[in-house]
Amino acid sequence: MKTRHVFSTPDLATAQATMDAARDAGVNDADILLIARSDIELESIPNERKEADTDLMPAALRGAGYGGAAGLLAGLVAVVVTPIGLTIAGAAAAAAAGAMVGCWASALMGSALPDPIRRKFDDQIRQGRILVVIDGDRDLLTQAEASVLARTAGAVLLPFDAPKALA
């Protein structure tokens, strides 16, 4: 499972040096993202480096899981209750319906919430700092962290160590 580490940098040049140090440590280019204040993102950061602004996808996945589990439970209860006469196929259909409803409802809620990194480090972003988000397994992140901190003056490791929702 991939994990996320976040570095705070004072400017775009330091963010670029942080990304270069992470790449040299073996981090895949697609696993490096940038988060900044909206004016900085619009002017200086290419689209492929931007992190999503919302919690949409992780919320949709959580909703599909919880909704599917709730639908399956309801379907199995309906199978056990004889007067209803629901079959195992009906229980599977109830699970699928629950997953769809859960995914839809959670995606709506998640689209209104900023992603967890933006929520936690809002003060850093408002100050104009650029956050460099690196995804990888624990061993790779340890190597990348050592490389970044040794080679990049101004990059600060922030207290964020969470699994990536979409690995």
Protein backbone atom coordinates (compact mmCIF):
# COMPACT_ATOMS: atom_id res chain seq x y z
CA MET A 1 0.00 0.00 0.00
CA LYS A 2 1.26 3.46 -0.85
CA THR A 3 1.64 6.08 1.83
CA ARG A 4 1.85 9.86 1.50
CA HIS A 5 4.48 12.20 2.89
CA VAL A 6 4.25 15.97 2.58
CA PHE A 7 7.10 18.49 2.39
CA SER A 8 6.59 22.24 2.71
CA THR A 9 8.77 24.45 0.50
CA PRO A 10 9.03 28.26 0.42
CA ASP A 11 9.05 28.66 -3.38
CA LEU A 12 8.81 26.89 -6.73
CA ALA A 13 12.60 26.48 -7.08
CA THR A 14 12.81 24.65 -3.75
CA ALA A 15 9.77 22.55 -4.71
CA GLN A 16 11.54 21.61 -7.96
CA ALA A 17 14.71 20.67 -6.05
CA THR A 18 12.59 18.57 -3.66
CA MET A 19 10.98 16.76 -6.60
CA ASP A 20 14.41 16.14 -8.18
CA ALA A 21 15.77 14.70 -4.91
CA ALA A 22 12.73 12.43 -4.60
CA ARG A 23 13.13 11.22 -8.20
CA ASP A 24 16.84 10.52 -7.59
CA ALA A 25 15.82 8.42 -4.56
CA GLY A 26 13.65 6.28 -6.85
CA VAL A 27 10.21 7.87 -6.56
CA ASN A 28 8.18 7.53 -9.75
CA ASP A 29 7.42 10.87 -11.41
CA ALA A 30 3.66 10.13 -11.34
CA ASP A 31 3.84 9.79 -7.53
CA ILE A 32 4.92 13.40 -6.96
CA LEU A 33 2.26 16.12 -6.72
CA LEU A 34 2.19 19.79 -5.73
CA ILE A 35 -0.35 21.71 -3.69
CA ALA A 36 -0.29 25.50 -3.43
CA ARG A 37 -2.49 28.56 -3.09
CA SER A 38 -4.80 28.89 -6.11
CA ASP A 39 -2.98 31.90 -7.61
CA ILE A 40 0.36 30.05 -7.45
CA GLU A 41 -1.18 26.89 -8.94
CA LEU A 42 -2.71 28.82 -11.83
CA GLU A 43 0.48 30.69 -12.70
CA SER A 44 3.27 28.24 -11.96
CA ILE A 45 2.21 24.61 -11.58
CA PRO A 46 1.43 22.37 -14.57
CA ASN A 47 -1.88 20.48 -14.45
CA GLU A 48 -0.27 17.04 -14.22
CA ARG A 49 1.40 18.07 -10.94
CA LYS A 50 -1.73 19.36 -9.23
CA GLU A 51 -3.45 17.39 -6.49
CA ALA A 52 -7.25 17.20 -6.62
CA ASP A 53 -8.97 19.90 -4.61
CA THR A 54 -11.67 17.65 -3.20
CA ASP A 55 -12.13 14.39 -1.34
CA LEU A 56 -14.42 13.08 -4.12
CA MET A 57 -12.75 9.79 -5.11
CA PRO A 58 -11.81 8.54 -1.64
CA ALA A 59 -15.31 9.42 -0.40
CA ALA A 60 -16.92 7.60 -3.34
CA LEU A 61 -14.85 4.49 -2.66
CA ARG A 62 -15.70 4.53 1.04
CA GLY A 63 -19.39 5.02 0.20
CA ALA A 64 -19.38 2.14 -2.27
CA GLY A 65 -17.85 -0.15 0.34
CA TYR A 66 -20.15 0.83 3.17
CA GLY A 67 -23.22 0.98 0.95
CA GLY A 68 -22.44 -2.42 -0.57
CA ALA A 69 -21.97 -3.93 2.88
CA ALA A 70 -25.24 -2.42 4.12
CA GLY A 71 -27.08 -3.60 0.99
CA LEU A 72 -25.65 -7.10 1.33
CA LEU A 73 -26.67 -7.25 4.97
CA ALA A 74 -30.18 -6.07 4.12
CA GLY A 75 -30.38 -8.59 1.28
CA LEU A 76 -29.24 -11.48 3.47
CA VAL A 77 -31.76 -10.52 6.15
CA ALA A 78 -34.44 -10.51 3.44
CA VAL A 79 -33.33 -14.00 2.32
CA VAL A 80 -33.66 -15.32 5.88
CA VAL A 81 -37.11 -13.81 6.34
CA THR A 82 -39.19 -16.39 4.47
CA PRO A 83 -42.39 -14.42 3.71
CA ILE A 84 -40.43 -11.98 1.54
CA GLY A 85 -39.10 -14.83 -0.61
CA LEU A 86 -35.94 -13.09 -1.79
CA THR A 87 -33.27 -15.32 -3.36
CA ILE A 88 -29.49 -15.13 -3.10
CA ALA A 89 -29.52 -13.29 -6.45
CA GLY A 90 -31.84 -10.76 -4.84
CA ALA A 91 -29.36 -10.32 -1.99
CA ALA A 92 -26.61 -9.67 -4.54
CA ALA A 93 -28.85 -7.13 -6.28
CA ALA A 94 -29.51 -5.43 -2.94
CA ALA A 95 -25.74 -5.29 -2.34
CA ALA A 96 -25.17 -3.74 -5.77
CA ALA A 97 -27.95 -1.20 -5.20
CA GLY A 98 -26.52 -0.34 -1.79
CA ALA A 99 -23.06 0.14 -3.30
CA MET A 100 -24.43 2.45 -5.99
CA VAL A 101 -26.45 4.55 -3.55
CA GLY A 102 -23.56 4.68 -1.07
CA CYS A 103 -21.09 5.67 -3.78
CA TRP A 104 -23.38 8.39 -5.11
CA ALA A 105 -24.21 9.88 -1.71
CA SER A 106 -20.61 9.81 -0.50
CA ALA A 107 -19.31 11.29 -3.74
CA LEU A 108 -21.70 14.20 -3.34
CA MET A 109 -20.46 14.82 0.19
CA GLY A 110 -16.81 14.31 -0.77
CA SER A 111 -17.02 16.80 -3.63
CA ALA A 112 -17.85 19.51 -1.11
CA LEU A 113 -14.89 18.75 1.18
CA PRO A 114 -11.30 19.77 0.50
CA ASP A 115 -8.83 16.91 0.40
CA PRO A 116 -7.21 15.95 3.75
CA ILE A 117 -3.84 17.56 2.99
CA ARG A 118 -5.46 20.89 2.12
CA ARG A 119 -7.55 20.73 5.31
CA LYS A 120 -4.62 19.91 7.57
CA PHE A 121 -2.10 22.37 6.10
CA ASP A 122 -4.39 25.24 5.13
CA ASP A 123 -2.26 27.75 7.05
CA GLN A 124 0.88 26.69 5.12
CA ILE A 125 -0.97 27.04 1.80
CA ARG A 126 -2.35 30.47 2.72
CA GLN A 127 1.18 31.66 3.56
CA GLY A 128 2.17 30.91 -0.04
CA ARG A 129 4.22 27.79 0.65
CA ILE A 130 4.19 24.99 -1.91
CA LEU A 131 3.53 21.50 -0.60
CA VAL A 132 5.26 18.59 -2.31
CA VAL A 133 3.30 15.33 -1.85
CA ILE A 134 5.22 12.10 -2.38
CA ASP A 135 3.51 8.70 -2.61
CA GLY A 136 5.31 5.40 -2.15
CA ASP A 137 5.88 2.41 0.08
CA ARG A 138 7.51 2.94 3.48
CA ASP A 139 11.04 1.98 2.40
CA LEU A 140 10.97 4.23 -0.65
CA LEU A 141 9.61 7.15 1.37
CA THR A 142 12.37 6.71 3.95
CA GLN A 143 14.98 6.94 1.17
CA ALA A 144 13.22 9.90 -0.43
CA GLU A 145 12.92 11.71 2.89
CA ALA A 146 16.66 11.31 3.56
CA SER A 147 17.51 12.47 0.03
CA VAL A 148 15.23 15.50 0.17
CA LEU A 149 16.36 16.66 3.61
CA ALA A 150 20.05 16.16 2.76
CA ARG A 151 19.95 17.91 -0.62
CA THR A 152 17.25 20.55 -0.34
CA ALA A 153 17.61 23.56 1.94
CA GLY A 154 14.21 24.97 2.85
CA ALA A 155 12.15 21.79 2.49
CA VAL A 156 10.45 20.81 5.74
CA LEU A 157 8.83 17.44 6.35
CA LEU A 158 5.31 18.03 7.68
CA PRO A 159 3.58 15.69 10.16
CA PHE A 160 1.47 13.77 7.66
CA ASP A 161 1.79 10.04 7.16
CA ALA A 162 -1.39 8.59 5.75
CA PRO A 163 -2.25 5.86 3.27
CA LYS A 164 -3.11 6.98 -0.22
CA ALA A 165 -6.76 6.35 -1.01
CA LEU A 166 -6.21 5.34 -4.62
CA ALA A 167 -2.96 3.38 -4.73
